[in-house]
């Protein structure tokens, strides 16, 4: 956990101020990503669970995976390997 915390802090330190300003000026891309990650993905996972009639445990697992962001590991590897 200490290494992951260090890498996450380093990712924040490596952000450029101009990139942050552009996000604040035009937040539409961030809003689209937020809606897709926390709206569409969980609803799609739930719909797949109902369509394919998964058992409750498998359906719950698919729903949890649909709710969880999946890009953290790739971001950390990007920082490690520059």
PDB file of N, CA and C in Angstrom:
ATOM      1  N   UNK A   1       0.811  -1.219   0.000  1.00  0.00           N
ATOM      2  CA  UNK A   1       0.000   0.000   0.000  1.00  0.00           C
ATOM      3  C   UNK A   1       0.847   1.273   0.000  1.00  0.00           C
ATOM      4  N   UNK A   2       2.038   1.197   0.555  1.00  0.00           N
ATOM      5  CA  UNK A   2       2.880   2.395   0.594  1.00  0.00           C
ATOM      6  C   UNK A   2       3.372   2.771  -0.799  1.00  0.00           C
ATOM      7  N   UNK A   3       3.715   1.767  -1.587  1.00  0.00           N
ATOM      8  CA  UNK A   3       4.181   2.037  -2.944  1.00  0.00           C
ATOM      9  C   UNK A   3       3.049   2.610  -3.790  1.00  0.00           C
ATOM     10  N   UNK A   4       1.854   2.046  -3.656  1.00  0.00           N
ATOM     11  CA  UNK A   4       0.706   2.539  -4.420  1.00  0.00           C
ATOM     12  C   UNK A   4       0.387   3.977  -4.024  1.00  0.00           C
ATOM     13  N   UNK A   5       0.453   4.277  -2.735  1.00  0.00           N
ATOM     14  CA  UNK A   5       0.206   5.645  -2.269  1.00  0.00           C
ATOM     15  C   UNK A   5       1.253   6.595  -2.832  1.00  0.00           C
ATOM     16  N   UNK A   6       2.510   6.189  -2.808  1.00  0.00           N
ATOM     17  CA  UNK A   6       3.587   7.027  -3.334  1.00  0.00           C
ATOM     18  C   UNK A   6       3.393   7.302  -4.821  1.00  0.00           C
ATOM     19  N   UNK A   7       3.053   6.262  -5.582  1.00  0.00           N
ATOM     20  CA  UNK A   7       2.855   6.429  -7.024  1.00  0.00           C
ATOM     21  C   UNK A   7       1.657   7.326  -7.300  1.00  0.00           C
ATOM     22  N   UNK A   8       0.587   7.193  -6.521  1.00  0.00           N
ATOM     23  CA  UNK A   8      -0.594   8.042  -6.711  1.00  0.00           C
ATOM     24  C   UNK A   8      -0.270   9.505  -6.431  1.00  0.00           C
ATOM     25  N   UNK A   9       0.499   9.755  -5.393  1.00  0.00           N
ATOM     26  CA  UNK A   9       0.912  11.126  -5.089  1.00  0.00           C
ATOM     27  C   UNK A   9       1.799  11.667  -6.194  1.00  0.00           C
ATOM     28  N   UNK A  10       2.699  10.827  -6.697  1.00  0.00           N
ATOM     29  CA  UNK A  10       3.577  11.247  -7.782  1.00  0.00           C
ATOM     30  C   UNK A  10       2.781  11.582  -9.038  1.00  0.00           C
ATOM     31  N   UNK A  11       1.707  10.818  -9.308  1.00  0.00           N
ATOM     32  CA  UNK A  11       0.862  11.121 -10.458  1.00  0.00           C
ATOM     33  C   UNK A  11       0.253  12.514 -10.312  1.00  0.00           C
ATOM     34  N   UNK A  12      -0.170  12.866  -9.104  1.00  0.00           N
ATOM     35  CA  UNK A  12      -0.728  14.190  -8.868  1.00  0.00           C
ATOM     36  C   UNK A  12       0.305  15.288  -9.011  1.00  0.00           C
ATOM     37  N   UNK A  13       1.513  15.015  -8.582  1.00  0.00           N
ATOM     38  CA  UNK A  13       2.584  16.009  -8.678  1.00  0.00           C
ATOM     39  C   UNK A  13       2.965  16.262 -10.133  1.00  0.00           C
ATOM     40  N   UNK A  14       2.872  15.236 -10.972  1.00  0.00           N
ATOM     41  CA  UNK A  14       3.277  15.369 -12.369  1.00  0.00           C
ATOM     42  C   UNK A  14       2.259  16.089 -13.246  1.00  0.00           C
ATOM     43  N   UNK A  15       1.089  16.415 -12.699  1.00  0.00           N
ATOM     44  CA  UNK A  15       0.085  17.139 -13.491  1.00  0.00           C
ATOM     45  C   UNK A  15       0.573  18.539 -13.821  1.00  0.00           C
ATOM     46  N   UNK A  16       0.268  18.978 -15.017  1.00  0.00           N
ATOM     47  CA  UNK A  16       0.656  20.317 -15.430  1.00  0.00           C
ATOM     48  C   UNK A  16      -0.498  21.279 -15.176  1.00  0.00           C
ATOM     49  N   UNK A  17      -0.167  22.497 -14.787  1.00  0.00           N
ATOM     50  CA  UNK A  17      -1.172  23.503 -14.451  1.00  0.00           C
ATOM     51  C   UNK A  17      -2.021  23.851 -15.672  1.00  0.00           C
ATOM     52  N   UNK A  18      -1.412  23.891 -16.842  1.00  0.00           N
ATOM     53  CA  UNK A  18      -2.167  24.218 -18.057  1.00  0.00           C
ATOM     54  C   UNK A  18      -3.234  23.174 -18.355  1.00  0.00           C
ATOM     55  N   UNK A  19      -2.927  21.917 -18.113  1.00  0.00           N
ATOM     56  CA  UNK A  19      -3.909  20.854 -18.334  1.00  0.00           C
ATOM     57  C   UNK A  19      -5.087  21.030 -17.379  1.00  0.00           C
ATOM     58  N   UNK A  20      -4.807  21.335 -16.130  1.00  0.00           N
ATOM     59  CA  UNK A  20      -5.868  21.555 -15.149  1.00  0.00           C
ATOM     60  C   UNK A  20      -6.722  22.768 -15.510  1.00  0.00           C
ATOM     61  N   UNK A  21      -6.093  23.821 -15.983  1.00  0.00           N
ATOM     62  CA  UNK A  21      -6.858  25.007 -16.396  1.00  0.00           C
ATOM     63  C   UNK A  21      -7.791  24.684 -17.558  1.00  0.00           C
ATOM     64  N   UNK A  22      -7.306  23.896 -18.506  1.00  0.00           N
ATOM     65  CA  UNK A  22      -8.131  23.520 -19.659  1.00  0.00           C
ATOM     66  C   UNK A  22      -9.326  22.676 -19.218  1.00  0.00           C
ATOM     67  N   UNK A  23      -9.130  21.802 -18.249  1.00  0.00           N
ATOM     68  CA  UNK A  23     -10.233  20.986 -17.735  1.00  0.00           C
ATOM     69  C   UNK A  23     -11.271  21.865 -17.050  1.00  0.00           C
ATOM     70  N   UNK A  24     -10.831  22.855 -16.304  1.00  0.00           N
ATOM     71  CA  UNK A  24     -11.760  23.759 -15.613  1.00  0.00           C
ATOM     72  C   UNK A  24     -12.511  24.618 -16.628  1.00  0.00           C
ATOM     73  N   UNK A  25     -11.812  25.039 -17.680  1.00  0.00           N
ATOM     74  CA  UNK A  25     -12.465  25.866 -18.701  1.00  0.00           C
ATOM     75  C   UNK A  25     -13.479  25.086 -19.517  1.00  0.00           C
ATOM     76  N   UNK A  26     -13.133  23.852 -19.880  1.00  0.00           N
ATOM     77  CA  UNK A  26     -14.024  23.027 -20.705  1.00  0.00           C
ATOM     78  C   UNK A  26     -14.193  21.650 -20.058  1.00  0.00           C
ATOM     79  N   UNK A  27     -15.100  21.534 -19.103  1.00  0.00           N
ATOM     80  CA  UNK A  27     -15.240  20.290 -18.349  1.00  0.00           C
ATOM     81  C   UNK A  27     -16.110  19.228 -19.024  1.00  0.00           C
ATOM     82  N   UNK A  28     -16.484  19.415 -20.273  1.00  0.00           N
ATOM     83  CA  UNK A  28     -17.413  18.490 -20.917  1.00  0.00           C
ATOM     84  C   UNK A  28     -16.827  17.077 -21.025  1.00  0.00           C
ATOM     85  N   UNK A  29     -15.547  16.955 -21.319  1.00  0.00           N
ATOM     86  CA  UNK A  29     -14.929  15.630 -21.435  1.00  0.00           C
ATOM     87  C   UNK A  29     -14.948  14.898 -20.096  1.00  0.00           C
ATOM     88  N   UNK A  30     -14.669  15.614 -19.028  1.00  0.00           N
ATOM     89  CA  UNK A  30     -14.698  15.016 -17.694  1.00  0.00           C
ATOM     90  C   UNK A  30     -16.125  14.620 -17.331  1.00  0.00           C
ATOM     91  N   UNK A  31     -17.093  15.454 -17.680  1.00  0.00           N
ATOM     92  CA  UNK A  31     -18.498  15.139 -17.393  1.00  0.00           C
ATOM     93  C   UNK A  31     -18.961  13.899 -18.158  1.00  0.00           C
ATOM     94  N   UNK A  32     -18.563  13.791 -19.426  1.00  0.00           N
ATOM     95  CA  UNK A  32     -18.927  12.608 -20.211  1.00  0.00           C
ATOM     96  C   UNK A  32     -18.313  11.356 -19.601  1.00  0.00           C
ATOM     97  N   UNK A  33     -17.054  11.417 -19.222  1.00  0.00           N
ATOM     98  CA  UNK A  33     -16.396  10.279 -18.593  1.00  0.00           C
ATOM     99  C   UNK A  33     -17.056   9.887 -17.284  1.00  0.00           C
ATOM    100  N   UNK A  34     -17.452  10.879 -16.499  1.00  0.00           N
ATOM    101  CA  UNK A  34     -18.115  10.612 -15.219  1.00  0.00           C
ATOM    102  C   UNK A  34     -19.452   9.910 -15.432  1.00  0.00           C
ATOM    103  N   UNK A  35     -20.236  10.410 -16.376  1.00  0.00           N
ATOM    104  CA  UNK A  35     -21.550   9.817 -16.653  1.00  0.00           C
ATOM    105  C   UNK A  35     -21.396   8.385 -17.171  1.00  0.00           C
ATOM    106  N   UNK A  36     -20.436   8.178 -18.051  1.00  0.00           N
ATOM    107  CA  UNK A  36     -20.228   6.822 -18.579  1.00  0.00           C
ATOM    108  C   UNK A  36     -19.754   5.863 -17.489  1.00  0.00           C
ATOM    109  N   UNK A  37     -18.786   6.297 -16.681  1.00  0.00           N
ATOM    110  CA  UNK A  37     -18.199   5.413 -15.663  1.00  0.00           C
ATOM    111  C   UNK A  37     -19.174   5.090 -14.540  1.00  0.00           C
ATOM    112  N   UNK A  38     -19.921   6.077 -14.082  1.00  0.00           N
ATOM    113  CA  UNK A  38     -20.766   5.863 -12.910  1.00  0.00           C
ATOM    114  C   UNK A  38     -22.262   5.800 -13.227  1.00  0.00           C
ATOM    115  N   UNK A  39     -22.625   5.902 -14.493  1.00  0.00           N
ATOM    116  CA  UNK A  39     -24.027   5.806 -14.873  1.00  0.00           C
ATOM    117  C   UNK A  39     -24.275   4.670 -15.840  1.00  0.00           C
ATOM    118  N   UNK A  40     -23.642   4.767 -16.999  1.00  0.00           N
ATOM    119  CA  UNK A  40     -23.898   3.788 -18.054  1.00  0.00           C
ATOM    120  C   UNK A  40     -23.316   2.416 -17.714  1.00  0.00           C
ATOM    121  N   UNK A  41     -22.083   2.367 -17.224  1.00  0.00           N
ATOM    122  CA  UNK A  41     -21.466   1.062 -16.951  1.00  0.00           C
ATOM    123  C   UNK A  41     -22.221   0.244 -15.903  1.00  0.00           C
ATOM    124  N   UNK A  42     -22.608   0.822 -14.758  1.00  0.00           N
ATOM    125  CA  UNK A  42     -23.389   0.020 -13.814  1.00  0.00           C
ATOM    126  C   UNK A  42     -24.746  -0.401 -14.370  1.00  0.00           C
ATOM    127  N   UNK A  43     -25.418   0.478 -15.111  1.00  0.00           N
ATOM    128  CA  UNK A  43     -26.706   0.112 -15.698  1.00  0.00           C
ATOM    129  C   UNK A  43     -26.551  -0.988 -16.745  1.00  0.00           C
ATOM    130  N   UNK A  44     -25.489  -0.925 -17.526  1.00  0.00           N
ATOM    131  CA  UNK A  44     -25.232  -1.964 -18.515  1.00  0.00           C
ATOM    132  C   UNK A  44     -24.923  -3.299 -17.838  1.00  0.00           C
ATOM    133  N   UNK A  45     -24.146  -3.274 -16.769  1.00  0.00           N
ATOM    134  CA  UNK A  45     -23.849  -4.503 -16.028  1.00  0.00           C
ATOM    135  C   UNK A  45     -25.130  -5.100 -15.440  1.00  0.00           C
ATOM    136  N   UNK A  46     -25.977  -4.244 -14.898  1.00  0.00           N
ATOM    137  CA  UNK A  46     -27.242  -4.722 -14.336  1.00  0.00           C
ATOM    138  C   UNK A  46     -28.129  -5.310 -15.431  1.00  0.00           C
ATOM    139  N   UNK A  47     -28.174  -4.633 -16.585  1.00  0.00           N
ATOM    140  CA  UNK A  47     -28.990  -5.119 -17.696  1.00  0.00           C
ATOM    141  C   UNK A  47     -28.484  -6.475 -18.198  1.00  0.00           C
ATOM    142  N   UNK A  48     -27.178  -6.636 -18.307  1.00  0.00           N
ATOM    143  CA  UNK A  48     -26.625  -7.925 -18.738  1.00  0.00           C
ATOM    144  C   UNK A  48     -26.951  -9.034 -17.740  1.00  0.00           C
ATOM    145  N   UNK A  49     -26.929  -8.685 -16.465  1.00  0.00           N
ATOM    146  CA  UNK A  49     -27.289  -9.660 -15.435  1.00  0.00           C
ATOM    147  C   UNK A  49     -28.732 -10.131 -15.614  1.00  0.00           C
ATOM    148  N   UNK A  50     -29.621  -9.206 -15.902  1.00  0.00           N
ATOM    149  CA  UNK A  50     -31.037  -9.564 -16.080  1.00  0.00           C
ATOM    150  C   UNK A  50     -31.284 -10.283 -17.413  1.00  0.00           C
ATOM    151  N   UNK A  51     -30.625  -9.824 -18.479  1.00  0.00           N
ATOM    152  CA  UNK A  51     -30.839 -10.423 -19.799  1.00  0.00           C
ATOM    153  C   UNK A  51     -30.392 -11.884 -19.821  1.00  0.00           C
ATOM    154  N   UNK A  52     -29.211 -12.157 -19.260  1.00  0.00           N
ATOM    155  CA  UNK A  52     -28.670 -13.517 -19.299  1.00  0.00           C
ATOM    156  C   UNK A  52     -29.054 -14.352 -18.081  1.00  0.00           C
ATOM    157  N   UNK A  53     -29.861 -13.778 -17.197  1.00  0.00           N
ATOM    158  CA  UNK A  53     -30.397 -14.477 -16.022  1.00  0.00           C
ATOM    159  C   UNK A  53     -29.306 -15.166 -15.202  1.00  0.00           C
ATOM    160  N   UNK A  54     -28.299 -14.384 -14.842  1.00  0.00           N
ATOM    161  CA  UNK A  54     -27.230 -14.911 -13.997  1.00  0.00           C
ATOM    162  C   UNK A  54     -27.753 -15.192 -12.602  1.00  0.00           C
ATOM    163  N   UNK A  55     -27.138 -16.139 -11.903  1.00  0.00           N
ATOM    164  CA  UNK A  55     -27.470 -16.327 -10.488  1.00  0.00           C
ATOM    165  C   UNK A  55     -27.138 -15.050  -9.706  1.00  0.00           C
ATOM    166  N   UNK A  56     -27.789 -14.842  -8.564  1.00  0.00           N
ATOM    167  CA  UNK A  56     -27.587 -13.583  -7.823  1.00  0.00           C
ATOM    168  C   UNK A  56     -26.123 -13.262  -7.503  1.00  0.00           C
ATOM    169  N   UNK A  57     -25.340 -14.255  -7.128  1.00  0.00           N
ATOM    170  CA  UNK A  57     -23.943 -13.988  -6.778  1.00  0.00           C
ATOM    171  C   UNK A  57     -23.150 -13.519  -7.999  1.00  0.00           C
ATOM    172  N   UNK A  58     -23.344 -14.171  -9.153  1.00  0.00           N
ATOM    173  CA  UNK A  58     -22.650 -13.766 -10.368  1.00  0.00           C
ATOM    174  C   UNK A  58     -23.137 -12.400 -10.846  1.00  0.00           C
ATOM    175  N   UNK A  59     -24.421 -12.164 -10.710  1.00  0.00           N
ATOM    176  CA  UNK A  59     -24.968 -10.868 -11.089  1.00  0.00           C
ATOM    177  C   UNK A  59     -24.407  -9.746 -10.236  1.00  0.00           C
ATOM    178  N   UNK A  60     -24.281 -10.012  -8.945  1.00  0.00           N
ATOM    179  CA  UNK A  60     -23.704  -9.006  -8.049  1.00  0.00           C
ATOM    180  C   UNK A  60     -22.242  -8.746  -8.405  1.00  0.00           C
ATOM    181  N   UNK A  61     -21.498  -9.803  -8.715  1.00  0.00           N
ATOM    182  CA  UNK A  61     -20.092  -9.646  -9.088  1.00  0.00           C
ATOM    183  C   UNK A  61     -19.958  -8.817 -10.364  1.00  0.00           C
ATOM    184  N   UNK A  62     -20.802  -9.082 -11.341  1.00  0.00           N
ATOM    185  CA  UNK A  62     -20.764  -8.309 -12.581  1.00  0.00           C
ATOM    186  C   UNK A  62     -21.135  -6.853 -12.326  1.00  0.00           C
ATOM    187  N   UNK A  63     -22.107  -6.623 -11.477  1.00  0.00           N
ATOM    188  CA  UNK A  63     -22.496  -5.261 -11.136  1.00  0.00           C
ATOM    189  C   UNK A  63     -21.360  -4.511 -10.441  1.00  0.00           C
ATOM    190  N   UNK A  64     -20.677  -5.173  -9.525  1.00  0.00           N
ATOM    191  CA  UNK A  64     -19.549  -4.540  -8.820  1.00  0.00           C
ATOM    192  C   UNK A  64     -18.440  -4.192  -9.805  1.00  0.00           C
ATOM    193  N   UNK A  65     -18.131  -5.106 -10.713  1.00  0.00           N
ATOM    194  CA  UNK A  65     -17.109  -4.821 -11.717  1.00  0.00           C
ATOM    195  C   UNK A  65     -17.548  -3.656 -12.605  1.00  0.00           C
ATOM    196  N   UNK A  66     -18.832  -3.570 -12.905  1.00  0.00           N
ATOM    197  CA  UNK A  66     -19.337  -2.452 -13.699  1.00  0.00           C
ATOM    198  C   UNK A  66     -19.279  -1.123 -12.971  1.00  0.00           C
ATOM    199  N   UNK A  67     -19.268  -1.148 -11.651  1.00  0.00           N
ATOM    200  CA  UNK A  67     -19.217   0.089 -10.860  1.00  0.00           C
ATOM    201  C   UNK A  67     -17.792   0.564 -10.585  1.00  0.00           C
ATOM    202  N   UNK A  68     -16.824  -0.310 -10.721  1.00  0.00           N
ATOM    203  CA  UNK A  68     -15.448   0.007 -10.325  1.00  0.00           C
ATOM    204  C   UNK A  68     -14.655   0.579 -11.488  1.00  0.00           C
ATOM    205  N   UNK A  69     -14.019   1.715 -11.287  1.00  0.00           N
ATOM    206  CA  UNK A  69     -13.116   2.225 -12.321  1.00  0.00           C
ATOM    207  C   UNK A  69     -11.968   1.252 -12.523  1.00  0.00           C
ATOM    208  N   UNK A  70     -11.550   1.062 -13.755  1.00  0.00           N
ATOM    209  CA  UNK A  70     -10.535   0.066 -14.038  1.00  0.00           C
ATOM    210  C   UNK A  70      -9.217   0.609 -14.540  1.00  0.00           C
ATOM    211  N   UNK A  71      -8.985   1.899 -14.530  1.00  0.00           N
ATOM    212  CA  UNK A  71      -7.776   2.442 -15.126  1.00  0.00           C
ATOM    213  C   UNK A  71      -6.657   2.766 -14.166  1.00  0.00           C
ATOM    214  N   UNK A  72      -6.804   2.495 -12.899  1.00  0.00           N
ATOM    215  CA  UNK A  72      -5.787   2.906 -11.920  1.00  0.00           C
ATOM    216  C   UNK A  72      -4.465   2.185 -12.139  1.00  0.00           C
ATOM    217  N   UNK A  73      -4.505   0.898 -12.386  1.00  0.00           N
ATOM    218  CA  UNK A  73      -3.257   0.148 -12.560  1.00  0.00           C
ATOM    219  C   UNK A  73      -2.503   0.615 -13.791  1.00  0.00           C
ATOM    220  N   UNK A  74      -3.202   0.866 -14.881  1.00  0.00           N
ATOM    221  CA  UNK A  74      -2.505   1.318 -16.089  1.00  0.00           C
ATOM    222  C   UNK A  74      -1.910   2.712 -15.880  1.00  0.00           C
ATOM    223  N   UNK A  75      -2.601   3.571 -15.149  1.00  0.00           N
ATOM    224  CA  UNK A  75      -2.049   4.899 -14.859  1.00  0.00           C
ATOM    225  C   UNK A  75      -0.790   4.794 -14.016  1.00  0.00           C
ATOM    226  N   UNK A  76      -0.796   3.914 -13.042  1.00  0.00           N
ATOM    227  CA  UNK A  76       0.384   3.758 -12.197  1.00  0.00           C
ATOM    228  C   UNK A  76       1.566   3.174 -12.978  1.00  0.00           C
ATOM    229  N   UNK A  77       1.300   2.218 -13.863  1.00  0.00           N
ATOM    230  CA  UNK A  77       2.390   1.676 -14.688  1.00  0.00           C
ATOM    231  C   UNK A  77       2.935   2.733 -15.635  1.00  0.00           C
ATOM    232  N   UNK A  78       2.074   3.624 -16.106  1.00  0.00           N
ATOM    233  CA  UNK A  78       2.535   4.705 -16.967  1.00  0.00           C
ATOM    234  C   UNK A  78       3.502   5.618 -16.218  1.00  0.00           C
ATOM    235  N   UNK A  79       3.197   5.913 -14.967  1.00  0.00           N
ATOM    236  CA  UNK A  79       4.097   6.761 -14.171  1.00  0.00           C
ATOM    237  C   UNK A  79       5.414   6.025 -13.897  1.00  0.00           C
ATOM    238  N   UNK A  80       5.325   4.757 -13.571  1.00  0.00           N
ATOM    239  CA  UNK A  80       6.543   4.001 -13.240  1.00  0.00           C
ATOM    240  C   UNK A  80       7.496   3.939 -14.438  1.00  0.00           C
ATOM    241  N   UNK A  81       6.948   3.651 -15.622  1.00  0.00           N
ATOM    242  CA  UNK A  81       7.783   3.460 -16.795  1.00  0.00           C
ATOM    243  C   UNK A  81       7.910   4.689 -17.677  1.00  0.00           C
ATOM    244  N   UNK A  82       7.401   5.827 -17.184  1.00  0.00           N
ATOM    245  CA  UNK A  82       7.497   7.119 -17.872  1.00  0.00           C
ATOM    246  C   UNK A  82       6.906   7.064 -19.255  1.00  0.00           C
TER     247      UNK A  82
END
